[in-house]
Amino acid sequence: MRPDTRALANGDLVVTTRIIPTGGEAHELDYVMRTRSGGWRVVDVLADGSISRVAVQRSDFRRLLAQGGAGALIASLQAKTRDLATP
């Protein structure tokens, strides 16, 4: 196993990477990997070692569903898609 990879008790692997900009501070991204259907898949991304992107999205989705139902969630996802598609 590479030094930037560690195994978890459930068999998942955590692969650590660092983003080092030319100016500013470095950031660490840990990819939680799980083997499925013969290949490894990313199941979560931890920003700076502790902030789970999956947990953040789950929380955002729950809030949107509680406030406006499925329509609010769909509208939010469509708006994010438009934002990402616009250069």
PDB file of N, CA and C in Angstrom:
ATOM      1  N   MET A   1       0.848  -1.174   0.000  1.00  0.00           N
ATOM      2  CA  MET A   1       0.000   0.000   0.000  1.00  0.00           C
ATOM      3  C   MET A   1       0.902   1.248   0.000  1.00  0.00           C
ATOM      4  N   ARG A   2       0.507   2.241  -0.760  1.00  0.00           N
ATOM      5  CA  ARG A   2       1.284   3.484  -0.837  1.00  0.00           C
ATOM      6  C   ARG A   2       1.177   4.249   0.476  1.00  0.00           C
ATOM      7  N   PRO A   3       2.188   5.079   0.791  1.00  0.00           N
ATOM      8  CA  PRO A   3       2.150   5.842   2.048  1.00  0.00           C
ATOM      9  C   PRO A   3       0.987   6.825   2.134  1.00  0.00           C
ATOM     10  N   ASP A   4       0.439   7.254   0.994  1.00  0.00           N
ATOM     11  CA  ASP A   4      -0.662   8.210   1.012  1.00  0.00           C
ATOM     12  C   ASP A   4      -2.023   7.503   0.962  1.00  0.00           C
ATOM     13  N   THR A   5      -2.035   6.184   1.248  1.00  0.00           N
ATOM     14  CA  THR A   5      -3.251   5.378   1.261  1.00  0.00           C
ATOM     15  C   THR A   5      -3.328   4.625   2.583  1.00  0.00           C
ATOM     16  N   ARG A   6      -4.523   4.605   3.168  1.00  0.00           N
ATOM     17  CA  ARG A   6      -4.694   3.822   4.398  1.00  0.00           C
ATOM     18  C   ARG A   6      -5.997   3.030   4.316  1.00  0.00           C
ATOM     19  N   ALA A   7      -5.974   1.850   4.936  1.00  0.00           N
ATOM     20  CA  ALA A   7      -7.145   0.979   4.940  1.00  0.00           C
ATOM     21  C   ALA A   7      -8.019   1.285   6.149  1.00  0.00           C
ATOM     22  N   LEU A   8      -9.326   1.201   5.953  1.00  0.00           N
ATOM     23  CA  LEU A   8     -10.287   1.341   7.046  1.00  0.00           C
ATOM     24  C   LEU A   8     -10.757  -0.048   7.470  1.00  0.00           C
ATOM     25  N   ALA A   9     -11.336  -0.142   8.646  1.00  0.00           N
ATOM     26  CA  ALA A   9     -11.764  -1.430   9.203  1.00  0.00           C
ATOM     27  C   ALA A   9     -12.789  -2.138   8.313  1.00  0.00           C
ATOM     28  N   ASN A  10     -13.607  -1.389   7.578  1.00  0.00           N
ATOM     29  CA  ASN A  10     -14.644  -1.994   6.736  1.00  0.00           C
ATOM     30  C   ASN A  10     -14.138  -2.406   5.353  1.00  0.00           C
ATOM     31  N   GLY A  11     -12.830  -2.243   5.101  1.00  0.00           N
ATOM     32  CA  GLY A  11     -12.257  -2.616   3.813  1.00  0.00           C
ATOM     33  C   GLY A  11     -12.119  -1.468   2.838  1.00  0.00           C
ATOM     34  N   ASP A  12     -12.707  -0.324   3.145  1.00  0.00           N
ATOM     35  CA  ASP A  12     -12.535   0.856   2.293  1.00  0.00           C
ATOM     36  C   ASP A  12     -11.089   1.336   2.382  1.00  0.00           C
ATOM     37  N   LEU A  13     -10.668   2.094   1.387  1.00  0.00           N
ATOM     38  CA  LEU A  13      -9.357   2.732   1.403  1.00  0.00           C
ATOM     39  C   LEU A  13      -9.542   4.235   1.389  1.00  0.00           C
ATOM     40  N   VAL A  14      -8.626   4.941   2.028  1.00  0.00           N
ATOM     41  CA  VAL A  14      -8.605   6.396   1.982  1.00  0.00           C
ATOM     42  C   VAL A  14      -7.333   6.797   1.254  1.00  0.00           C
ATOM     43  N   VAL A  15      -7.502   7.518   0.156  1.00  0.00           N
ATOM     44  CA  VAL A  15      -6.372   7.991  -0.640  1.00  0.00           C
ATOM     45  C   VAL A  15      -6.254   9.494  -0.406  1.00  0.00           C
ATOM     46  N   THR A  16      -5.102   9.912   0.094  1.00  0.00           N
ATOM     47  CA  THR A  16      -4.886  11.317   0.432  1.00  0.00           C
ATOM     48  C   THR A  16      -4.161  12.025  -0.708  1.00  0.00           C
ATOM     49  N   THR A  17      -4.693  13.189  -1.077  1.00  0.00           N
ATOM     50  CA  THR A  17      -4.037  14.038  -2.069  1.00  0.00           C
ATOM     51  C   THR A  17      -3.926  15.443  -1.500  1.00  0.00           C
ATOM     52  N   ARG A  18      -3.035  16.230  -2.072  1.00  0.00           N
ATOM     53  CA  ARG A  18      -2.877  17.621  -1.648  1.00  0.00           C
ATOM     54  C   ARG A  18      -2.939  18.514  -2.869  1.00  0.00           C
ATOM     55  N   ILE A  19      -3.704  19.592  -2.740  1.00  0.00           N
ATOM     56  CA  ILE A  19      -3.757  20.622  -3.776  1.00  0.00           C
ATOM     57  C   ILE A  19      -2.904  21.764  -3.271  1.00  0.00           C
ATOM     58  N   ILE A  20      -1.858  22.065  -4.030  1.00  0.00           N
ATOM     59  CA  ILE A  20      -0.925  23.104  -3.608  1.00  0.00           C
ATOM     60  C   ILE A  20      -0.920  24.202  -4.675  1.00  0.00           C
ATOM     61  N   PRO A  21      -1.640  25.289  -4.419  1.00  0.00           N
ATOM     62  CA  PRO A  21      -1.674  26.385  -5.397  1.00  0.00           C
ATOM     63  C   PRO A  21      -0.350  27.139  -5.410  1.00  0.00           C
ATOM     64  N   THR A  22      -0.102  27.875  -6.487  1.00  0.00           N
ATOM     65  CA  THR A  22       1.137  28.647  -6.566  1.00  0.00           C
ATOM     66  C   THR A  22       1.172  29.744  -5.511  1.00  0.00           C
ATOM     67  N   GLY A  23       0.028  30.237  -5.121  1.00  0.00           N
ATOM     68  CA  GLY A  23      -0.056  31.216  -4.040  1.00  0.00           C
ATOM     69  C   GLY A  23      -1.186  30.820  -3.109  1.00  0.00           C
ATOM     70  N   GLY A  24      -0.983  30.931  -1.840  1.00  0.00           N
ATOM     71  CA  GLY A  24      -2.026  30.544  -0.883  1.00  0.00           C
ATOM     72  C   GLY A  24      -1.674  29.259  -0.166  1.00  0.00           C
ATOM     73  N   GLU A  25      -2.640  28.785   0.615  1.00  0.00           N
ATOM     74  CA  GLU A  25      -2.355  27.612   1.431  1.00  0.00           C
ATOM     75  C   GLU A  25      -2.800  26.322   0.754  1.00  0.00           C
ATOM     76  N   ALA A  26      -2.116  25.226   1.075  1.00  0.00           N
ATOM     77  CA  ALA A  26      -2.427  23.913   0.517  1.00  0.00           C
ATOM     78  C   ALA A  26      -3.689  23.348   1.159  1.00  0.00           C
ATOM     79  N   HIS A  27      -4.373  22.500   0.415  1.00  0.00           N
ATOM     80  CA  HIS A  27      -5.568  21.824   0.917  1.00  0.00           C
ATOM     81  C   HIS A  27      -5.432  20.336   0.681  1.00  0.00           C
ATOM     82  N   GLU A  28      -5.954  19.567   1.636  1.00  0.00           N
ATOM     83  CA  GLU A  28      -5.915  18.118   1.534  1.00  0.00           C
ATOM     84  C   GLU A  28      -7.296  17.601   1.150  1.00  0.00           C
ATOM     85  N   LEU A  29      -7.322  16.678   0.194  1.00  0.00           N
ATOM     86  CA  LEU A  29      -8.551  15.979  -0.174  1.00  0.00           C
ATOM     87  C   LEU A  29      -8.312  14.499   0.020  1.00  0.00           C
ATOM     88  N   ASP A  30      -9.158  13.868   0.826  1.00  0.00           N
ATOM     89  CA  ASP A  30      -9.086  12.431   1.044  1.00  0.00           C
ATOM     90  C   ASP A  30     -10.249  11.793   0.303  1.00  0.00           C
ATOM     91  N   TYR A  31      -9.938  10.847  -0.569  1.00  0.00           N
ATOM     92  CA  TYR A  31     -10.971  10.124  -1.307  1.00  0.00           C
ATOM     93  C   TYR A  31     -11.209   8.788  -0.618  1.00  0.00           C
ATOM     94  N   VAL A  32     -12.439   8.548  -0.172  1.00  0.00           N
ATOM     95  CA  VAL A  32     -12.799   7.267   0.430  1.00  0.00           C
ATOM     96  C   VAL A  32     -13.234   6.359  -0.725  1.00  0.00           C
ATOM     97  N   MET A  33     -12.503   5.259  -0.897  1.00  0.00           N
ATOM     98  CA  MET A  33     -12.701   4.357  -2.028  1.00  0.00           C
ATOM     99  C   MET A  33     -13.275   3.025  -1.549  1.00  0.00           C
ATOM    100  N   ARG A  34     -14.172   2.459  -2.364  1.00  0.00           N
ATOM    101  CA  ARG A  34     -14.778   1.157  -2.038  1.00  0.00           C
ATOM    102  C   ARG A  34     -14.803   0.332  -3.316  1.00  0.00           C
ATOM    103  N   THR A  35     -14.491  -0.942  -3.191  1.00  0.00           N
ATOM    104  CA  THR A  35     -14.514  -1.815  -4.364  1.00  0.00           C
ATOM    105  C   THR A  35     -15.933  -2.318  -4.597  1.00  0.00           C
ATOM    106  N   ARG A  36     -16.376  -2.184  -5.849  1.00  0.00           N
ATOM    107  CA  ARG A  36     -17.711  -2.638  -6.266  1.00  0.00           C
ATOM    108  C   ARG A  36     -17.627  -3.100  -7.710  1.00  0.00           C
ATOM    109  N   SER A  37     -18.281  -4.178  -8.012  1.00  0.00           N
ATOM    110  CA  SER A  37     -18.343  -4.691  -9.389  1.00  0.00           C
ATOM    111  C   SER A  37     -16.964  -4.767 -10.027  1.00  0.00           C
ATOM    112  N   GLY A  38     -16.004  -5.238  -9.278  1.00  0.00           N
ATOM    113  CA  GLY A  38     -14.676  -5.448  -9.835  1.00  0.00           C
ATOM    114  C   GLY A  38     -13.807  -4.216  -9.951  1.00  0.00           C
ATOM    115  N   GLY A  39     -14.254  -3.065  -9.467  1.00  0.00           N
ATOM    116  CA  GLY A  39     -13.432  -1.860  -9.563  1.00  0.00           C
ATOM    117  C   GLY A  39     -13.612  -0.966  -8.349  1.00  0.00           C
ATOM    118  N   TRP A  40     -12.698  -0.056  -8.174  1.00  0.00           N
ATOM    119  CA  TRP A  40     -12.760   0.885  -7.055  1.00  0.00           C
ATOM    120  C   TRP A  40     -13.592   2.091  -7.451  1.00  0.00           C
ATOM    121  N   ARG A  41     -14.419   2.564  -6.514  1.00  0.00           N
ATOM    122  CA  ARG A  41     -15.278   3.739  -6.721  1.00  0.00           C
ATOM    123  C   ARG A  41     -15.095   4.692  -5.554  1.00  0.00           C
ATOM    124  N   VAL A  42     -15.162   5.982  -5.843  1.00  0.00           N
ATOM    125  CA  VAL A  42     -15.135   6.991  -4.783  1.00  0.00           C
ATOM    126  C   VAL A  42     -16.517   7.046  -4.153  1.00  0.00           C
ATOM    127  N   VAL A  43     -16.588   6.888  -2.819  1.00  0.00           N
ATOM    128  CA  VAL A  43     -17.874   6.942  -2.123  1.00  0.00           C
ATOM    129  C   VAL A  43     -18.005   8.186  -1.246  1.00  0.00           C
ATOM    130  N   ASP A  44     -16.902   8.888  -1.028  1.00  0.00           N
ATOM    131  CA  ASP A  44     -16.948  10.134  -0.265  1.00  0.00           C
ATOM    132  C   ASP A  44     -15.652  10.889  -0.495  1.00  0.00           C
ATOM    133  N   VAL A  45     -15.713  12.190  -0.287  1.00  0.00           N
ATOM    134  CA  VAL A  45     -14.536  13.051  -0.365  1.00  0.00           C
ATOM    135  C   VAL A  45     -14.486  13.863   0.918  1.00  0.00           C
ATOM    136  N   LEU A  46     -13.347  13.815   1.590  1.00  0.00           N
ATOM    137  CA  LEU A  46     -13.164  14.569   2.830  1.00  0.00           C
ATOM    138  C   LEU A  46     -12.261  15.754   2.536  1.00  0.00           C
ATOM    139  N   ALA A  47     -12.766  16.955   2.761  1.00  0.00           N
ATOM    140  CA  ALA A  47     -11.989  18.170   2.531  1.00  0.00           C
ATOM    141  C   ALA A  47     -11.214  18.515   3.784  1.00  0.00           C
ATOM    142  N   ASP A  48      -9.928  18.740   3.619  1.00  0.00           N
ATOM    143  CA  ASP A  48      -9.033  19.090   4.734  1.00  0.00           C
ATOM    144  C   ASP A  48      -9.155  18.104   5.883  1.00  0.00           C
ATOM    145  N   GLY A  49      -9.336  16.835   5.532  1.00  0.00           N
ATOM    146  CA  GLY A  49      -9.293  15.756   6.509  1.00  0.00           C
ATOM    147  C   GLY A  49     -10.539  15.515   7.333  1.00  0.00           C
ATOM    148  N   SER A  50     -11.585  16.359   7.212  1.00  0.00           N
ATOM    149  CA  SER A  50     -12.707  16.127   8.105  1.00  0.00           C
ATOM    150  C   SER A  50     -14.081  16.460   7.538  1.00  0.00           C
ATOM    151  N   ILE A  51     -14.192  17.278   6.524  1.00  0.00           N
ATOM    152  CA  ILE A  51     -15.499  17.719   6.042  1.00  0.00           C
ATOM    153  C   ILE A  51     -15.966  16.761   4.944  1.00  0.00           C
ATOM    154  N   SER A  52     -16.989  15.960   5.243  1.00  0.00           N
ATOM    155  CA  SER A  52     -17.509  14.978   4.300  1.00  0.00           C
ATOM    156  C   SER A  52     -18.438  15.656   3.299  1.00  0.00           C
ATOM    157  N   ARG A  53     -18.117  15.554   2.023  1.00  0.00           N
ATOM    158  CA  ARG A  53     -18.979  16.127   0.982  1.00  0.00           C
ATOM    159  C   ARG A  53     -20.319  15.404   0.940  1.00  0.00           C
ATOM    160  N   VAL A  54     -20.312  14.095   1.180  1.00  0.00           N
ATOM    161  CA  VAL A  54     -21.563  13.337   1.179  1.00  0.00           C
ATOM    162  C   VAL A  54     -22.474  13.813   2.306  1.00  0.00           C
ATOM    163  N   ALA A  55     -21.919  14.013   3.501  1.00  0.00           N
ATOM    164  CA  ALA A  55     -22.728  14.478   4.639  1.00  0.00           C
ATOM    165  C   ALA A  55     -23.283  15.875   4.387  1.00  0.00           C
ATOM    166  N   VAL A  56     -22.478  16.749   3.778  1.00  0.00           N
ATOM    167  CA  VAL A  56     -22.936  18.111   3.476  1.00  0.00           C
ATOM    168  C   VAL A  56     -24.085  18.064   2.474  1.00  0.00           C
ATOM    169  N   GLN A  57     -23.936  17.264   1.414  1.00  0.00           N
ATOM    170  CA  GLN A  57     -25.004  17.174   0.419  1.00  0.00           C
ATOM    171  C   GLN A  57     -26.268  16.558   1.009  1.00  0.00           C
ATOM    172  N   ARG A  58     -26.104  15.536   1.816  1.00  0.00           N
ATOM    173  CA  ARG A  58     -27.268  14.898   2.450  1.00  0.00           C
ATOM    174  C   ARG A  58     -28.031  15.919   3.296  1.00  0.00           C
ATOM    175  N   SER A  59     -27.292  16.729   4.043  1.00  0.00           N
ATOM    176  CA  SER A  59     -27.914  17.758   4.870  1.00  0.00           C
ATOM    177  C   SER A  59     -28.628  18.794   4.006  1.00  0.00           C
ATOM    178  N   ASP A  60     -27.980  19.231   2.920  1.00  0.00           N
ATOM    179  CA  ASP A  60     -28.600  20.194   2.006  1.00  0.00           C
ATOM    180  C   ASP A  60     -29.879  19.624   1.394  1.00  0.00           C
ATOM    181  N   PHE A  61     -29.835  18.376   0.972  1.00  0.00           N
ATOM    182  CA  PHE A  61     -31.001  17.746   0.353  1.00  0.00           C
ATOM    183  C   PHE A  61     -32.150  17.639   1.350  1.00  0.00           C
ATOM    184  N   ARG A  62     -31.849  17.239   2.582  1.00  0.00           N
ATOM    185  CA  ARG A  62     -32.899  17.135   3.607  1.00  0.00           C
ATOM    186  C   ARG A  62     -33.561  18.482   3.866  1.00  0.00           C
ATOM    187  N   ARG A  63     -32.733  19.536   3.943  1.00  0.00           N
ATOM    188  CA  ARG A  63     -33.274  20.877   4.186  1.00  0.00           C
ATOM    189  C   ARG A  63     -34.191  21.295   3.047  1.00  0.00           C
ATOM    190  N   LEU A  64     -33.741  21.090   1.810  1.00  0.00           N
ATOM    191  CA  LEU A  64     -34.566  21.459   0.659  1.00  0.00           C
ATOM    192  C   LEU A  64     -35.867  20.665   0.623  1.00  0.00           C
ATOM    193  N   LEU A  65     -35.799  19.374   0.908  1.00  0.00           N
ATOM    194  CA  LEU A  65     -37.009  18.554   0.917  1.00  0.00           C
ATOM    195  C   LEU A  65     -37.978  18.991   2.006  1.00  0.00           C
ATOM    196  N   ALA A  66     -37.438  19.334   3.181  1.00  0.00           N
ATOM    197  CA  ALA A  66     -38.291  19.769   4.291  1.00  0.00           C
ATOM    198  C   ALA A  66     -38.951  21.112   3.999  1.00  0.00           C
ATOM    199  N   GLN A  67     -38.231  22.002   3.314  1.00  0.00           N
ATOM    200  CA  GLN A  67     -38.757  23.342   3.054  1.00  0.00           C
ATOM    201  C   GLN A  67     -39.692  23.399   1.858  1.00  0.00           C
ATOM    202  N   GLY A  68     -39.379  22.622   0.809  1.00  0.00           N
ATOM    203  CA  GLY A  68     -40.183  22.775  -0.400  1.00  0.00           C
ATOM    204  C   GLY A  68     -40.488  21.493  -1.135  1.00  0.00           C
ATOM    205  N   GLY A  69     -40.176  20.359  -0.534  1.00  0.00           N
ATOM    206  CA  GLY A  69     -40.476  19.081  -1.175  1.00  0.00           C
ATOM    207  C   GLY A  69     -39.548  18.774  -2.337  1.00  0.00           C
ATOM    208  N   ALA A  70     -39.963  17.779  -3.111  1.00  0.00           N
ATOM    209  CA  ALA A  70     -39.155  17.317  -4.234  1.00  0.00           C
ATOM    210  C   ALA A  70     -38.935  18.428  -5.267  1.00  0.00           C
ATOM    211  N   GLY A  71     -39.927  19.288  -5.441  1.00  0.00           N
ATOM    212  CA  GLY A  71     -39.796  20.378  -6.413  1.00  0.00           C
ATOM    213  C   GLY A  71     -38.649  21.316  -6.072  1.00  0.00           C
ATOM    214  N   ALA A  72     -38.480  21.614  -4.799  1.00  0.00           N
ATOM    215  CA  ALA A  72     -37.383  22.499  -4.379  1.00  0.00           C
ATOM    216  C   ALA A  72     -36.030  21.837  -4.614  1.00  0.00           C
ATOM    217  N   LEU A  73     -35.945  20.531  -4.347  1.00  0.00           N
ATOM    218  CA  LEU A  73     -34.695  19.809  -4.576  1.00  0.00           C
ATOM    219  C   LEU A  73     -34.361  19.779  -6.064  1.00  0.00           C
ATOM    220  N   ILE A  74     -35.347  19.487  -6.889  1.00  0.00           N
ATOM    221  CA  ILE A  74     -35.131  19.446  -8.338  1.00  0.00           C
ATOM    222  C   ILE A  74     -34.708  20.813  -8.856  1.00  0.00           C
ATOM    223  N   ALA A  75     -35.362  21.869  -8.418  1.00  0.00           N
ATOM    224  CA  ALA A  75     -35.018  23.226  -8.858  1.00  0.00           C
ATOM    225  C   ALA A  75     -33.592  23.576  -8.451  1.00  0.00           C
ATOM    226  N   SER A  76     -33.195  23.199  -7.251  1.00  0.00           N
ATOM    227  CA  SER A  76     -31.832  23.476  -6.779  1.00  0.00           C
ATOM    228  C   SER A  76     -30.799  22.733  -7.619  1.00  0.00           C
ATOM    229  N   LEU A  77     -31.063  21.465  -7.908  1.00  0.00           N
ATOM    230  CA  LEU A  77     -30.130  20.677  -8.720  1.00  0.00           C
ATOM    231  C   LEU A  77     -30.043  21.220 -10.153  1.00  0.00           C
ATOM    232  N   GLN A  78     -31.161  21.643 -10.697  1.00  0.00           N
ATOM    233  CA  GLN A  78     -31.152  22.230 -12.041  1.00  0.00           C
ATOM    234  C   GLN A  78     -30.368  23.536 -12.061  1.00  0.00           C
ATOM    235  N   ALA A  79     -30.510  24.356 -11.024  1.00  0.00           N
ATOM    236  CA  ALA A  79     -29.777  25.623 -10.951  1.00  0.00           C
ATOM    237  C   ALA A  79     -28.273  25.351 -10.839  1.00  0.00           C
ATOM    238  N   LYS A  80     -27.890  24.369 -10.034  1.00  0.00           N
ATOM    239  CA  LYS A  80     -26.466  24.032  -9.904  1.00  0.00           C
ATOM    240  C   LYS A  80     -25.909  23.510 -11.225  1.00  0.00           C
ATOM    241  N   THR A  81     -26.711  22.720 -11.933  1.00  0.00           N
ATOM    242  CA  THR A  81     -26.286  22.198 -13.242  1.00  0.00           C
ATOM    243  C   THR A  81     -26.059  23.347 -14.222  1.00  0.00           C
ATOM    244  N   ARG A  82     -26.987  24.313 -14.235  1.00  0.00           N
ATOM    245  CA  ARG A  82     -26.831  25.482 -15.121  1.00  0.00           C
ATOM    246  C   ARG A  82     -25.574  26.266 -14.758  1.00  0.00           C
ATOM    247  N   ASP A  83     -25.352  26.472 -13.456  1.00  0.00           N
ATOM    248  CA  ASP A  83     -24.167  27.220 -13.006  1.00  0.00           C
ATOM    249  C   ASP A  83     -22.878  26.531 -13.440  1.00  0.00           C
ATOM    250  N   LEU A  84     -22.836  25.211 -13.336  1.00  0.00           N
ATOM    251  CA  LEU A  84     -21.628  24.472 -13.711  1.00  0.00           C
ATOM    252  C   LEU A  84     -21.429  24.428 -15.220  1.00  0.00           C
ATOM    253  N   ALA A  85     -22.519  24.499 -15.967  1.00  0.00           N
ATOM    254  CA  ALA A  85     -22.433  24.442 -17.434  1.00  0.00           C
ATOM    255  C   ALA A  85     -22.067  25.782 -18.040  1.00  0.00           C
ATOM    256  N   THR A  86     -22.188  26.853 -17.269  1.00  0.00           N
ATOM    257  CA  THR A  86     -21.899  28.193 -17.786  1.00  0.00           C
ATOM    258  C   THR A  86     -20.420  28.537 -17.543  1.00  0.00           C
ATOM    259  N   PRO A  87     -19.702  28.850 -18.638  1.00  0.00           N
ATOM    260  CA  PRO A  87     -18.261  29.176 -18.462  1.00  0.00           C
ATOM    261  C   PRO A  87     -18.025  30.458 -17.724  1.00  0.00           C
TER     262      PRO A  87
END
